[in-house]
């Protein structure tokens, strides 16, 4: 009679000999295509936030998402398209949160603070994802910018500034556009230095509001044509 030999991995053999329970084999979870796509984007976002884009590869994304490289390619034809979709997703999410915050603002300070808070909270929770994706020109080439366009957001805020501070449109537009980038700089500072979110938020809000107050009381008055008697 022939005895059949069964090969047992060393760890399992040892566990059996000493009476320890052996781990059950892991079952691969099944997800819908939509869920799997989101998980691939989520893992890509984690890598970008942690390491940046320079050395990122489909292989690395597959390893971290626990899927094969071929499966990643089944959802995204190349790395650029994957990063482009991630950028669009992150920007839409951020702009949507900022728009919702702006709608509930009762004063100009509420408006500036709520929009700034959303931006800083995003940076605090998500890291430098957007900033790093924006450094790749091929990624930020988008087909539908209307949902999160910087220009649309600046135009919306410019109208509020004009109504609130009675500034000329060209001055209001320039100041709003310049100030619009301040929360992003504050977010980068927040991640790179040991300062709490509330302090960075207060500094940013103060700087933005001071810009418009000084434009109204100082700059416009200094630039007005002389009125001679």
Protein backbone atom coordinates (compact mmCIF):
# COMPACT_ATOMS: atom_id res chain seq x y z
CA UNK A 1 0.00 0.00 0.00
CA UNK A 2 1.38 3.38 -1.00
CA UNK A 3 1.32 6.10 1.60
CA UNK A 4 0.45 9.56 0.31
CA UNK A 5 2.72 12.31 1.59
CA UNK A 6 1.18 15.68 2.44
CA UNK A 7 3.50 18.68 2.46
CA UNK A 8 2.73 21.07 5.31
CA UNK A 9 4.27 24.58 5.50
CA UNK A 10 6.72 24.90 8.41
CA UNK A 11 4.65 27.48 10.29
CA UNK A 12 1.50 25.37 10.06
CA UNK A 13 3.38 22.18 11.01
CA UNK A 14 4.84 23.85 14.11
CA UNK A 15 1.46 25.26 15.11
CA UNK A 16 -0.09 21.83 14.77
CA UNK A 17 2.60 20.18 16.89
CA UNK A 18 2.26 22.62 19.78
CA UNK A 19 -1.50 22.71 19.64
CA UNK A 20 -1.84 26.25 18.27
CA UNK A 21 -4.76 27.08 15.96
CA UNK A 22 -3.72 27.55 12.34
CA UNK A 23 -4.86 30.62 10.41
CA UNK A 24 -7.59 30.06 7.88
CA UNK A 25 -6.63 30.93 4.33
CA UNK A 26 -7.64 34.47 3.34
CA UNK A 27 -10.59 34.72 1.02
CA UNK A 28 -10.35 37.29 -1.72
CA UNK A 29 -13.18 39.77 -1.36
CA UNK A 30 -15.40 40.34 -4.35
CA UNK A 31 -16.33 43.93 -5.18
CA UNK A 32 -18.52 45.50 -7.80
CA UNK A 33 -16.60 47.14 -10.69
CA UNK A 34 -17.51 50.60 -9.32
CA UNK A 35 -16.25 49.74 -5.84
CA UNK A 36 -13.05 48.18 -7.20
CA UNK A 37 -12.40 51.31 -9.28
CA UNK A 38 -12.80 53.52 -6.21
CA UNK A 39 -10.48 51.29 -4.17
CA UNK A 40 -7.78 51.57 -6.83
CA UNK A 41 -8.16 55.36 -6.76
CA UNK A 42 -8.07 55.35 -2.94
CA UNK A 43 -4.82 53.37 -2.83
CA UNK A 44 -3.32 55.62 -5.51
CA UNK A 45 -4.26 58.66 -3.44
CA UNK A 46 -2.52 57.16 -0.40
CA UNK A 47 0.68 56.60 -2.37
CA UNK A 48 0.63 60.09 -3.91
CA UNK A 49 0.08 61.70 -0.49
CA UNK A 50 2.89 59.63 1.01
CA UNK A 51 5.51 59.51 -1.75
CA UNK A 52 4.49 61.81 -4.59
CA UNK A 53 4.12 61.00 -8.28
CA UNK A 54 7.70 60.76 -9.61
CA UNK A 55 8.27 57.04 -8.97
CA UNK A 56 4.64 55.90 -9.03
CA UNK A 57 3.83 52.88 -11.20
CA UNK A 58 0.86 50.67 -12.05
CA UNK A 59 2.74 47.76 -10.45
CA UNK A 60 3.03 49.60 -7.12
CA UNK A 61 -0.64 50.56 -7.20
CA UNK A 62 -1.60 46.94 -7.88
CA UNK A 63 0.50 45.70 -4.95
CA UNK A 64 -1.01 48.19 -2.51
CA UNK A 65 -4.54 47.55 -3.75
CA UNK A 66 -3.93 43.76 -3.61
CA UNK A 67 -4.88 43.32 -7.25
CA UNK A 68 -2.95 42.32 -10.34
CA UNK A 69 -1.39 44.84 -12.68
CA UNK A 70 -3.65 43.57 -15.45
CA UNK A 71 -6.73 44.32 -13.34
CA UNK A 72 -5.61 47.92 -12.82
CA UNK A 73 -5.17 48.21 -16.60
CA UNK A 74 -8.69 46.83 -17.05
CA UNK A 75 -10.01 49.96 -15.31
CA UNK A 76 -7.45 52.52 -16.46
CA UNK A 77 -5.61 52.36 -19.83
CA UNK A 78 -2.49 54.01 -18.40
CA UNK A 79 -1.08 55.75 -15.35
CA UNK A 80 -1.83 59.24 -16.65
CA UNK A 81 -5.53 58.48 -17.06
CA UNK A 82 -5.63 56.99 -13.56
CA UNK A 83 -4.02 60.08 -12.04
CA UNK A 84 -6.23 62.36 -14.11
CA UNK A 85 -9.36 60.68 -12.79
CA UNK A 86 -8.00 60.87 -9.24
CA UNK A 87 -7.31 64.59 -9.67
CA UNK A 88 -10.82 65.20 -11.01
CA UNK A 89 -12.34 63.26 -8.12
CA UNK A 90 -10.37 65.12 -5.46
CA UNK A 91 -11.03 68.56 -6.97
CA UNK A 92 -14.76 67.96 -7.39
CA UNK A 93 -14.97 66.81 -3.78
CA UNK A 94 -13.04 69.82 -2.47
CA UNK A 95 -14.93 72.41 -4.55
CA UNK A 96 -18.26 70.86 -3.59
CA UNK A 97 -17.41 71.11 0.11
CA UNK A 98 -16.24 74.72 -0.30
CA UNK A 99 -19.42 75.69 -2.18
CA UNK A 100 -21.59 74.16 0.53
CA UNK A 101 -19.62 76.00 3.22
CA UNK A 102 -19.92 79.30 1.34
CA UNK A 103 -23.71 78.98 1.01
CA UNK A 104 -24.15 78.97 4.80
CA UNK A 105 -21.92 81.99 5.49
CA UNK A 106 -23.67 84.95 7.11
CA UNK A 107 -20.82 87.48 7.07
CA UNK A 108 -17.73 88.08 4.95
CA UNK A 109 -15.58 86.67 7.75
CA UNK A 110 -17.82 83.59 7.90
CA UNK A 111 -17.34 83.15 4.16
CA UNK A 112 -13.55 83.42 4.29
CA UNK A 113 -13.28 81.24 7.40
CA UNK A 114 -15.60 78.49 6.19
CA UNK A 115 -13.92 78.17 2.79
CA UNK A 116 -10.45 78.30 4.38
CA UNK A 117 -11.42 75.75 7.03
CA UNK A 118 -12.63 73.28 4.39
CA UNK A 119 -9.37 73.63 2.48
CA UNK A 120 -7.15 73.22 5.54
CA UNK A 121 -9.19 70.30 6.85
CA UNK A 122 -8.83 68.61 3.48
CA UNK A 123 -5.05 69.09 3.53
CA UNK A 124 -4.88 67.87 7.13
CA UNK A 125 -6.81 64.70 6.34
CA UNK A 126 -5.68 63.99 2.75
CA UNK A 127 -2.18 65.44 2.55
CA UNK A 128 -0.57 66.97 -0.53
CA UNK A 129 -2.54 64.93 -3.07
CA UNK A 130 -3.89 67.85 -5.11
CA UNK A 131 -0.67 69.86 -4.95
CA UNK A 132 1.38 66.89 -6.18
CA UNK A 133 -1.06 66.01 -8.94
CA UNK A 134 -1.12 69.64 -10.09
CA UNK A 135 2.64 69.48 -10.59
CA UNK A 136 2.04 67.05 -13.47
CA UNK A 137 0.81 69.01 -16.55
CA UNK A 138 -0.49 65.87 -18.29
CA UNK A 139 -2.67 65.10 -15.26
CA UNK A 140 -4.31 68.51 -14.99
CA UNK A 141 -5.33 68.58 -18.67
CA UNK A 142 -9.04 68.09 -18.13
CA UNK A 143 -12.06 67.99 -20.40
CA UNK A 144 -14.75 69.25 -18.03
CA UNK A 145 -13.43 72.03 -15.80
CA UNK A 146 -16.81 73.65 -15.12
CA UNK A 147 -17.54 71.63 -12.00
CA UNK A 148 -14.48 72.83 -10.11
CA UNK A 149 -12.95 75.62 -12.15
CA UNK A 150 -10.81 78.09 -10.24
CA UNK A 151 -12.01 80.88 -12.55
CA UNK A 152 -15.67 80.21 -11.78
CA UNK A 153 -14.98 80.17 -8.04
CA UNK A 154 -12.96 83.40 -8.27
CA UNK A 155 -15.71 85.10 -10.31
CA UNK A 156 -18.30 84.11 -7.71
CA UNK A 157 -16.19 85.47 -4.84
CA UNK A 158 -15.27 88.61 -6.80
CA UNK A 159 -18.94 89.59 -7.06
CA UNK A 160 -19.27 89.26 -3.29
CA UNK A 161 -16.12 91.35 -2.73
CA UNK A 162 -17.40 94.10 -5.04
CA UNK A 163 -20.75 94.23 -3.26
CA UNK A 164 -19.19 94.14 0.21
CA UNK A 165 -16.22 96.48 -0.22
CA UNK A 166 -17.32 98.59 -3.21
CA UNK A 167 -14.05 97.98 -5.03
CA UNK A 168 -13.53 98.40 -8.78
CA UNK A 169 -13.99 95.07 -10.57
CA UNK A 170 -10.42 94.82 -11.86
CA UNK A 171 -8.99 95.42 -8.37
CA UNK A 172 -11.48 93.08 -6.72
CA UNK A 173 -10.80 90.33 -9.29
CA UNK A 174 -7.03 90.55 -8.93
CA UNK A 175 -7.13 90.56 -5.12
CA UNK A 176 -9.61 87.67 -4.99
CA UNK A 177 -7.55 85.58 -7.41
CA UNK A 178 -4.35 86.19 -5.45
CA UNK A 179 -6.05 85.51 -2.11
CA UNK A 180 -7.64 82.36 -3.50
CA UNK A 181 -4.24 80.68 -3.51
CA UNK A 182 -3.47 81.53 0.11
CA UNK A 183 -5.34 78.59 1.72
CA UNK A 184 -3.35 76.18 -0.48
CA UNK A 185 -0.08 77.71 0.75
CA UNK A 186 -1.42 77.55 4.30
CA UNK A 187 -2.30 73.88 3.78
CA UNK A 188 1.25 73.09 2.65
CA UNK A 189 2.63 74.95 5.67
CA UNK A 190 0.27 73.04 7.97
CA UNK A 191 1.65 69.70 6.78
CA UNK A 192 5.30 70.71 6.90
CA UNK A 193 5.38 72.45 10.30
CA UNK A 194 4.22 71.69 13.80
CA UNK A 195 1.41 74.21 14.11
CA UNK A 196 -2.19 73.38 14.93
CA UNK A 197 -4.90 73.74 12.30
CA UNK A 198 -6.83 76.43 14.20
CA UNK A 199 -3.79 78.72 14.44
CA UNK A 200 -2.98 78.36 10.74
CA UNK A 201 -6.64 78.99 9.91
CA UNK A 202 -6.75 82.17 12.05
CA UNK A 203 -3.58 83.52 10.42
CA UNK A 204 -4.89 82.78 6.91
CA UNK A 205 -8.30 84.33 7.53
CA UNK A 206 -6.70 87.44 9.06
CA UNK A 207 -4.39 87.87 6.05
CA UNK A 208 -7.21 87.52 3.51
CA UNK A 209 -9.60 89.91 5.27
CA UNK A 210 -6.81 92.42 5.90
CA UNK A 211 -6.08 92.44 2.16
CA UNK A 212 -9.57 93.63 1.26
CA UNK A 213 -9.86 96.05 4.15
CA UNK A 214 -6.60 97.70 3.20
CA UNK A 215 -7.57 97.83 -0.46
CA UNK A 216 -10.74 99.66 0.47
CA UNK A 217 -9.20 102.14 2.91
CA UNK A 218 -5.68 102.57 1.54
CA UNK A 219 -4.98 101.40 -2.00
CA UNK A 220 -8.09 102.76 -3.74
CA UNK A 221 -7.77 106.11 -1.96
CA UNK A 222 -4.09 106.41 -2.90
CA UNK A 223 -4.72 105.57 -6.55
CA UNK A 224 -7.68 107.86 -7.08
CA UNK A 225 -7.05 110.81 -9.44
CA UNK A 226 -6.31 114.05 -7.68
CA UNK A 227 -9.27 116.35 -7.25
CA UNK A 228 -8.11 119.94 -7.49
CA UNK A 229 -10.23 122.82 -6.28
